[in-house]
Amino acid sequence: MKTQNQPLTQIEQAFAEANHYIVELYLAKRGLDLAEWYDVVIFRYLLSVQRWFREPRLHKWKFNTIACQAMRSAISNELAKQSRQIKT
């Protein structure tokens, strides 16, 4: 099931709010500025919440693991995108 561009259910919203601290802890652990990187990781975090509820096979790992992997991927993609930009 494709989860992108679908609103969170009420249960997913509550779960995302309860676990939002993971986003802040992850960025702090990586030494990244919250104001600069929040927009990069938050959408991937929310997608991982949806995936957690809609793909039971993910439950063999902790949600924290799924969310951190998703955020790591988002950061990696953003850094790669920035490196491809033409420097003026």
C-alpha atoms as a PDB file:
ATOM      1  CA  MET A   1       0.000   0.000   0.000  1.00  0.00           C
ATOM      2  CA  LYS A   2       1.361   3.409  -0.948  1.00  0.00           C
ATOM      3  CA  THR A   3       1.427   5.669   2.109  1.00  0.00           C
ATOM      4  CA  GLN A   4       2.808   8.881   0.663  1.00  0.00           C
ATOM      5  CA  ASN A   5       0.392  11.794   0.407  1.00  0.00           C
ATOM      6  CA  GLN A   6      -2.145  10.140   2.689  1.00  0.00           C
ATOM      7  CA  PRO A   7      -3.187  11.863   5.911  1.00  0.00           C
ATOM      8  CA  LEU A   8      -2.342  10.219   9.203  1.00  0.00           C
ATOM      9  CA  THR A   9      -5.175   8.474  11.006  1.00  0.00           C
ATOM     10  CA  GLN A  10      -6.018   9.663  14.514  1.00  0.00           C
ATOM     11  CA  ILE A  11      -4.139   6.717  15.994  1.00  0.00           C
ATOM     12  CA  GLU A  12      -1.102   7.472  13.814  1.00  0.00           C
ATOM     13  CA  GLN A  13      -1.262  11.151  14.800  1.00  0.00           C
ATOM     14  CA  ALA A  14      -1.292  10.276  18.494  1.00  0.00           C
ATOM     15  CA  PHE A  15       1.585   7.835  18.013  1.00  0.00           C
ATOM     16  CA  ALA A  16       3.596  10.412  16.033  1.00  0.00           C
ATOM     17  CA  GLU A  17       3.066  13.025  18.755  1.00  0.00           C
ATOM     18  CA  ALA A  18       3.981  10.618  21.548  1.00  0.00           C
ATOM     19  CA  ASN A  19       7.211   9.632  19.795  1.00  0.00           C
ATOM     20  CA  HIS A  20       8.162  13.043  18.357  1.00  0.00           C
ATOM     21  CA  TYR A  21      11.054  13.239  20.814  1.00  0.00           C
ATOM     22  CA  ILE A  22      12.830  10.702  18.583  1.00  0.00           C
ATOM     23  CA  VAL A  23      13.241  13.383  15.892  1.00  0.00           C
ATOM     24  CA  GLU A  24      14.867  15.852  18.277  1.00  0.00           C
ATOM     25  CA  LEU A  25      17.082  13.220  19.888  1.00  0.00           C
ATOM     26  CA  TYR A  26      18.211  11.900  16.517  1.00  0.00           C
ATOM     27  CA  LEU A  27      19.189  15.339  15.212  1.00  0.00           C
ATOM     28  CA  ALA A  28      20.979  16.161  18.473  1.00  0.00           C
ATOM     29  CA  LYS A  29      22.839  12.835  18.378  1.00  0.00           C
ATOM     30  CA  ARG A  30      23.985  13.574  14.825  1.00  0.00           C
ATOM     31  CA  GLY A  31      25.004  17.109  15.836  1.00  0.00           C
ATOM     32  CA  LEU A  32      22.594  18.672  13.348  1.00  0.00           C
ATOM     33  CA  ASP A  33      20.797  21.962  13.926  1.00  0.00           C
ATOM     34  CA  LEU A  34      17.110  21.367  14.618  1.00  0.00           C
ATOM     35  CA  ALA A  35      16.017  24.523  12.782  1.00  0.00           C
ATOM     36  CA  GLU A  36      18.018  23.610   9.674  1.00  0.00           C
ATOM     37  CA  TRP A  37      17.274  19.877   9.426  1.00  0.00           C
ATOM     38  CA  TYR A  38      13.791  19.505  10.920  1.00  0.00           C
ATOM     39  CA  ASP A  39      12.011  19.976   7.591  1.00  0.00           C
ATOM     40  CA  VAL A  40      14.321  17.428   5.982  1.00  0.00           C
ATOM     41  CA  VAL A  41      13.587  14.641   8.462  1.00  0.00           C
ATOM     42  CA  ILE A  42      10.045  15.261   9.705  1.00  0.00           C
ATOM     43  CA  PHE A  43       8.263  14.112   6.564  1.00  0.00           C
ATOM     44  CA  ARG A  44      10.260  10.893   6.501  1.00  0.00           C
ATOM     45  CA  TYR A  45       9.518  10.434  10.200  1.00  0.00           C
ATOM     46  CA  LEU A  46       5.791  10.786   9.543  1.00  0.00           C
ATOM     47  CA  LEU A  47       6.024   8.342   6.664  1.00  0.00           C
ATOM     48  CA  SER A  48       7.732   5.859   8.986  1.00  0.00           C
ATOM     49  CA  VAL A  49       4.791   6.242  11.417  1.00  0.00           C
ATOM     50  CA  GLN A  50       2.388   5.351   8.613  1.00  0.00           C
ATOM     51  CA  ARG A  51       4.521   2.429   7.518  1.00  0.00           C
ATOM     52  CA  TRP A  52       4.736   1.169  11.119  1.00  0.00           C
ATOM     53  CA  PHE A  53       0.951   0.882  11.304  1.00  0.00           C
ATOM     54  CA  ARG A  54       0.347  -0.321   7.769  1.00  0.00           C
ATOM     55  CA  GLU A  55       3.188  -2.831   7.407  1.00  0.00           C
ATOM     56  CA  PRO A  56       3.102  -5.295  10.329  1.00  0.00           C
ATOM     57  CA  ARG A  57       6.277  -6.995   9.066  1.00  0.00           C
ATOM     58  CA  LEU A  58       8.187  -3.966  10.427  1.00  0.00           C
ATOM     59  CA  HIS A  59       7.199  -4.863  13.988  1.00  0.00           C
ATOM     60  CA  LYS A  60      10.122  -7.247  14.295  1.00  0.00           C
ATOM     61  CA  TRP A  61      12.173  -4.066  14.887  1.00  0.00           C
ATOM     62  CA  LYS A  62      11.570  -1.253  17.363  1.00  0.00           C
ATOM     63  CA  PHE A  63       9.835   1.812  15.968  1.00  0.00           C
ATOM     64  CA  ASN A  64      12.849   3.870  16.974  1.00  0.00           C
ATOM     65  CA  THR A  65      14.994   1.795  14.610  1.00  0.00           C
ATOM     66  CA  ILE A  66      12.580   2.291  11.709  1.00  0.00           C
ATOM     67  CA  ALA A  67      12.276   6.040  12.318  1.00  0.00           C
ATOM     68  CA  CYS A  68      16.028   6.598  12.676  1.00  0.00           C
ATOM     69  CA  GLN A  69      16.756   4.633   9.507  1.00  0.00           C
ATOM     70  CA  ALA A  70      14.198   6.728   7.630  1.00  0.00           C
ATOM     71  CA  MET A  71      15.661   9.987   8.948  1.00  0.00           C
ATOM     72  CA  ARG A  72      19.208   8.856   8.147  1.00  0.00           C
ATOM     73  CA  SER A  73      18.090   8.191   4.579  1.00  0.00           C
ATOM     74  CA  ALA A  74      16.432  11.621   4.338  1.00  0.00           C
ATOM     75  CA  ILE A  75      19.608  13.341   5.529  1.00  0.00           C
ATOM     76  CA  SER A  76      21.754  11.322   3.146  1.00  0.00           C
ATOM     77  CA  ASN A  77      19.490  12.191   0.218  1.00  0.00           C
ATOM     78  CA  GLU A  78      19.540  15.888   1.126  1.00  0.00           C
ATOM     79  CA  LEU A  79      23.343  15.957   1.396  1.00  0.00           C
ATOM     80  CA  ALA A  80      23.645  14.220  -1.981  1.00  0.00           C
ATOM     81  CA  LYS A  81      21.227  16.719  -3.503  1.00  0.00           C
ATOM     82  CA  GLN A  82      23.202  19.633  -2.073  1.00  0.00           C
ATOM     83  CA  SER A  83      26.461  18.238  -3.435  1.00  0.00           C
ATOM     84  CA  ARG A  84      24.982  18.144  -6.943  1.00  0.00           C
ATOM     85  CA  GLN A  85      23.927  21.789  -6.874  1.00  0.00           C
ATOM     86  CA  ILE A  86      26.022  24.169  -8.935  1.00  0.00           C
ATOM     87  CA  LYS A  87      28.089  26.466  -6.749  1.00  0.00           C
ATOM     88  CA  THR A  88      27.901  30.101  -7.853  1.00  0.00           C
END
